[in-house]
């Protein structure tokens, strides 16, 4: 694995970690009060575009970490929608 790919994989991993605390807090407490629904939706749109770019350019770090980030943000959206119904 070349240094540039390793840099991309590491950067993507660190960036993606940022979504996990919000997801865990919402899951544990059942509350997503104060969490915007718009933010993760807009992020998912951008990440979907990055994912498309990554697939078209065959760039593994972009593909992997944007796909993972979309899943994590979908979890945040799901928790937000479910908590609003309570």
N, C-alpha and C. Protein backbone atom coordinates (compact mmCIF):
# COMPACT_ATOMS: atom_id res chain seq x y z
N UNK A 1 0.85 -1.17 0.00
CA UNK A 1 0.00 0.00 0.00
C UNK A 1 0.90 1.24 0.00
N UNK A 2 0.59 2.16 -0.89
CA UNK A 2 1.42 3.36 -0.96
C UNK A 2 1.06 4.36 0.14
N UNK A 3 1.96 5.30 0.36
CA UNK A 3 1.82 6.27 1.45
C UNK A 3 0.59 7.15 1.27
N UNK A 4 0.28 7.53 0.04
CA UNK A 4 -0.87 8.38 -0.22
C UNK A 4 -2.18 7.68 0.14
N UNK A 5 -2.30 6.40 -0.22
CA UNK A 5 -3.50 5.64 0.13
C UNK A 5 -3.61 5.48 1.64
N UNK A 6 -2.50 5.20 2.29
CA UNK A 6 -2.50 5.07 3.75
C UNK A 6 -2.92 6.38 4.41
N UNK A 7 -2.44 7.49 3.89
CA UNK A 7 -2.85 8.80 4.41
C UNK A 7 -4.36 8.99 4.25
N UNK A 8 -4.88 8.66 3.09
CA UNK A 8 -6.32 8.80 2.84
C UNK A 8 -7.15 7.90 3.74
N UNK A 9 -6.70 6.67 3.94
CA UNK A 9 -7.42 5.74 4.82
C UNK A 9 -7.41 6.24 6.26
N UNK A 10 -6.28 6.73 6.71
CA UNK A 10 -6.16 7.23 8.08
C UNK A 10 -7.00 8.49 8.28
N UNK A 11 -6.94 9.42 7.34
CA UNK A 11 -7.73 10.65 7.43
C UNK A 11 -9.22 10.34 7.44
N UNK A 12 -9.65 9.45 6.58
CA UNK A 12 -11.06 9.07 6.52
C UNK A 12 -11.52 8.41 7.81
N UNK A 13 -10.67 7.56 8.38
CA UNK A 13 -11.00 6.88 9.62
C UNK A 13 -11.19 7.90 10.75
N UNK A 14 -10.26 8.83 10.86
CA UNK A 14 -10.33 9.82 11.93
C UNK A 14 -11.57 10.72 11.75
N UNK A 15 -11.82 11.15 10.54
CA UNK A 15 -12.98 12.00 10.26
C UNK A 15 -14.29 11.27 10.57
N UNK A 16 -14.36 10.02 10.17
CA UNK A 16 -15.57 9.23 10.37
C UNK A 16 -15.84 8.98 11.85
N UNK A 17 -14.80 8.88 12.65
CA UNK A 17 -14.97 8.68 14.09
C UNK A 17 -15.81 9.78 14.72
N UNK A 18 -15.80 10.96 14.13
CA UNK A 18 -16.53 12.10 14.68
C UNK A 18 -18.03 11.88 14.77
N UNK A 19 -18.59 11.01 13.97
CA UNK A 19 -20.04 10.77 14.00
C UNK A 19 -20.45 9.79 15.09
N UNK A 20 -19.53 8.98 15.55
CA UNK A 20 -19.86 7.90 16.48
C UNK A 20 -20.35 8.40 17.84
N UNK A 21 -19.72 9.41 18.46
CA UNK A 21 -20.23 9.86 19.76
C UNK A 21 -21.70 10.32 19.72
N UNK A 22 -22.08 11.05 18.68
CA UNK A 22 -23.47 11.51 18.58
C UNK A 22 -24.42 10.34 18.42
N UNK A 23 -24.03 9.39 17.61
CA UNK A 23 -24.86 8.21 17.39
C UNK A 23 -25.01 7.40 18.68
N UNK A 24 -23.92 7.18 19.39
CA UNK A 24 -23.98 6.43 20.64
C UNK A 24 -24.80 7.14 21.71
N UNK A 25 -24.61 8.46 21.82
CA UNK A 25 -25.37 9.21 22.82
C UNK A 25 -26.87 9.13 22.53
N UNK A 26 -27.24 9.31 21.27
CA UNK A 26 -28.65 9.22 20.90
C UNK A 26 -29.23 7.84 21.14
N UNK A 27 -28.45 6.82 20.86
CA UNK A 27 -28.90 5.45 21.07
C UNK A 27 -29.08 5.15 22.56
N UNK A 28 -28.10 5.56 23.36
CA UNK A 28 -28.14 5.26 24.80
C UNK A 28 -29.23 6.04 25.53
N UNK A 29 -29.41 7.31 25.17
CA UNK A 29 -30.38 8.15 25.89
C UNK A 29 -31.77 8.11 25.27
N UNK A 30 -31.84 7.74 24.01
CA UNK A 30 -33.13 7.76 23.32
C UNK A 30 -33.58 9.17 22.96
N UNK A 31 -32.70 10.14 23.19
CA UNK A 31 -33.04 11.53 22.92
C UNK A 31 -32.07 12.11 21.89
N UNK A 32 -32.63 12.81 20.94
CA UNK A 32 -31.81 13.53 19.96
C UNK A 32 -32.16 15.00 19.98
N UNK A 33 -32.65 15.45 21.15
CA UNK A 33 -32.99 16.86 21.31
C UNK A 33 -31.75 17.72 21.05
N UNK A 34 -31.93 18.74 20.31
CA UNK A 34 -30.82 19.63 20.00
C UNK A 34 -30.01 19.20 18.78
N UNK A 35 -30.36 18.06 18.22
CA UNK A 35 -29.66 17.59 17.02
C UNK A 35 -30.49 17.97 15.81
N UNK A 36 -29.86 18.62 14.87
CA UNK A 36 -30.53 19.04 13.65
C UNK A 36 -30.76 17.84 12.74
N UNK A 37 -31.92 17.78 12.12
CA UNK A 37 -32.19 16.75 11.12
C UNK A 37 -31.58 17.15 9.77
N UNK A 38 -31.51 18.44 9.52
CA UNK A 38 -31.00 18.93 8.24
C UNK A 38 -29.51 18.61 8.06
N UNK A 39 -28.73 18.77 9.11
CA UNK A 39 -27.29 18.58 8.98
C UNK A 39 -26.91 17.19 8.47
N UNK A 40 -27.36 16.10 9.10
CA UNK A 40 -26.96 14.80 8.58
C UNK A 40 -27.52 14.51 7.18
N UNK A 41 -28.69 15.06 6.87
CA UNK A 41 -29.25 14.86 5.54
C UNK A 41 -28.39 15.55 4.47
N UNK A 42 -27.97 16.78 4.75
CA UNK A 42 -27.11 17.50 3.81
C UNK A 42 -25.76 16.80 3.70
N UNK A 43 -25.22 16.37 4.84
CA UNK A 43 -23.95 15.64 4.82
C UNK A 43 -24.06 14.37 3.98
N UNK A 44 -25.17 13.65 4.14
CA UNK A 44 -25.36 12.42 3.37
C UNK A 44 -25.41 12.69 1.87
N UNK A 45 -26.01 13.80 1.48
CA UNK A 45 -26.03 14.17 0.07
C UNK A 45 -24.62 14.40 -0.44
N UNK A 46 -23.85 15.18 0.29
CA UNK A 46 -22.45 15.43 -0.10
C UNK A 46 -21.62 14.16 -0.09
N UNK A 47 -21.81 13.34 0.93
CA UNK A 47 -21.06 12.08 1.01
C UNK A 47 -21.44 11.14 -0.12
N UNK A 48 -22.71 11.16 -0.51
CA UNK A 48 -23.13 10.35 -1.64
C UNK A 48 -22.45 10.78 -2.92
N UNK A 49 -22.27 12.08 -3.05
CA UNK A 49 -21.57 12.60 -4.23
C UNK A 49 -20.09 12.22 -4.18
N UNK A 50 -19.47 12.32 -2.98
CA UNK A 50 -18.08 11.89 -2.83
C UNK A 50 -17.94 10.40 -3.11
N UNK A 51 -18.91 9.62 -2.66
CA UNK A 51 -18.89 8.18 -2.90
C UNK A 51 -18.93 7.90 -4.40
N UNK A 52 -19.80 8.60 -5.11
CA UNK A 52 -19.87 8.45 -6.56
C UNK A 52 -18.54 8.82 -7.21
N UNK A 53 -17.96 9.91 -6.77
CA UNK A 53 -16.65 10.33 -7.27
C UNK A 53 -15.61 9.25 -7.00
N UNK A 54 -15.61 8.72 -5.78
CA UNK A 54 -14.65 7.67 -5.41
C UNK A 54 -14.79 6.43 -6.27
N UNK A 55 -16.03 6.04 -6.55
CA UNK A 55 -16.27 4.86 -7.40
C UNK A 55 -15.76 5.14 -8.81
N UNK A 56 -16.09 6.32 -9.33
CA UNK A 56 -15.68 6.64 -10.70
C UNK A 56 -14.17 6.77 -10.85
N UNK A 57 -13.49 7.22 -9.80
CA UNK A 57 -12.04 7.37 -9.85
C UNK A 57 -11.31 6.17 -9.24
N UNK A 58 -12.10 5.21 -8.76
CA UNK A 58 -11.55 3.99 -8.14
C UNK A 58 -10.59 4.32 -6.99
N UNK A 59 -11.07 5.17 -6.09
CA UNK A 59 -10.27 5.64 -4.96
C UNK A 59 -10.78 4.98 -3.67
N UNK A 60 -10.12 3.92 -3.21
CA UNK A 60 -10.61 3.16 -2.05
C UNK A 60 -10.87 3.98 -0.79
N UNK A 61 -9.98 4.88 -0.36
CA UNK A 61 -10.30 5.63 0.86
C UNK A 61 -11.59 6.44 0.76
N UNK A 62 -11.81 7.05 -0.38
CA UNK A 62 -13.03 7.85 -0.56
C UNK A 62 -14.25 6.95 -0.58
N UNK A 63 -14.16 5.82 -1.23
CA UNK A 63 -15.28 4.87 -1.28
C UNK A 63 -15.60 4.35 0.11
N UNK A 64 -14.60 3.84 0.79
CA UNK A 64 -14.80 3.19 2.09
C UNK A 64 -15.39 4.16 3.11
N UNK A 65 -14.71 5.28 3.33
CA UNK A 65 -15.10 6.15 4.44
C UNK A 65 -16.36 6.95 4.16
N UNK A 66 -16.65 7.25 2.90
CA UNK A 66 -17.92 7.91 2.63
C UNK A 66 -19.08 6.94 2.76
N UNK A 67 -18.88 5.70 2.38
CA UNK A 67 -19.93 4.69 2.57
C UNK A 67 -20.20 4.49 4.06
N UNK A 68 -19.15 4.37 4.86
CA UNK A 68 -19.32 4.19 6.31
C UNK A 68 -20.00 5.43 6.91
N UNK A 69 -19.58 6.61 6.49
CA UNK A 69 -20.16 7.84 7.02
C UNK A 69 -21.64 7.98 6.66
N UNK A 70 -22.01 7.55 5.47
CA UNK A 70 -23.42 7.58 5.08
C UNK A 70 -24.24 6.69 6.01
N UNK A 71 -23.73 5.51 6.31
CA UNK A 71 -24.43 4.59 7.21
C UNK A 71 -24.56 5.21 8.61
N UNK A 72 -23.48 5.79 9.12
CA UNK A 72 -23.53 6.41 10.45
C UNK A 72 -24.51 7.59 10.48
N UNK A 73 -24.50 8.40 9.44
CA UNK A 73 -25.44 9.53 9.39
C UNK A 73 -26.87 9.06 9.21
N UNK A 74 -27.08 7.98 8.50
CA UNK A 74 -28.42 7.41 8.39
C UNK A 74 -28.91 6.96 9.77
N UNK A 75 -28.00 6.42 10.57
CA UNK A 75 -28.35 6.05 11.94
C UNK A 75 -28.75 7.27 12.76
N UNK A 76 -28.03 8.37 12.60
CA UNK A 76 -28.37 9.61 13.31
C UNK A 76 -29.75 10.10 12.87
N UNK A 77 -30.02 10.07 11.57
CA UNK A 77 -31.32 10.49 11.05
C UNK A 77 -32.42 9.59 11.62
N UNK A 78 -32.20 8.30 11.61
CA UNK A 78 -33.20 7.37 12.13
C UNK A 78 -33.48 7.64 13.61
N UNK A 79 -32.44 7.80 14.40
CA UNK A 79 -32.64 8.11 15.82
C UNK A 79 -33.37 9.43 16.01
N UNK A 80 -33.03 10.42 15.21
CA UNK A 80 -33.70 11.72 15.31
C UNK A 80 -35.18 11.60 14.99
N UNK A 81 -35.51 10.90 13.92
CA UNK A 81 -36.91 10.73 13.52
C UNK A 81 -37.67 9.94 14.57
N UNK A 82 -37.06 8.88 15.07
CA UNK A 82 -37.72 8.06 16.11
C UNK A 82 -37.90 8.83 17.40
N UNK A 83 -36.94 9.65 17.78
CA UNK A 83 -37.05 10.40 19.05
C UNK A 83 -38.08 11.51 18.96
N UNK A 84 -38.33 12.03 17.76
CA UNK A 84 -39.36 13.06 17.60
C UNK A 84 -40.76 12.49 17.74
N UNK A 85 -40.90 11.19 17.52
CA UNK A 85 -42.20 10.55 17.63
C UNK A 85 -42.57 10.20 19.07
N UNK A 86 -41.67 10.40 19.99
CA UNK A 86 -41.93 10.03 21.39
C UNK A 86 -42.57 11.16 22.16
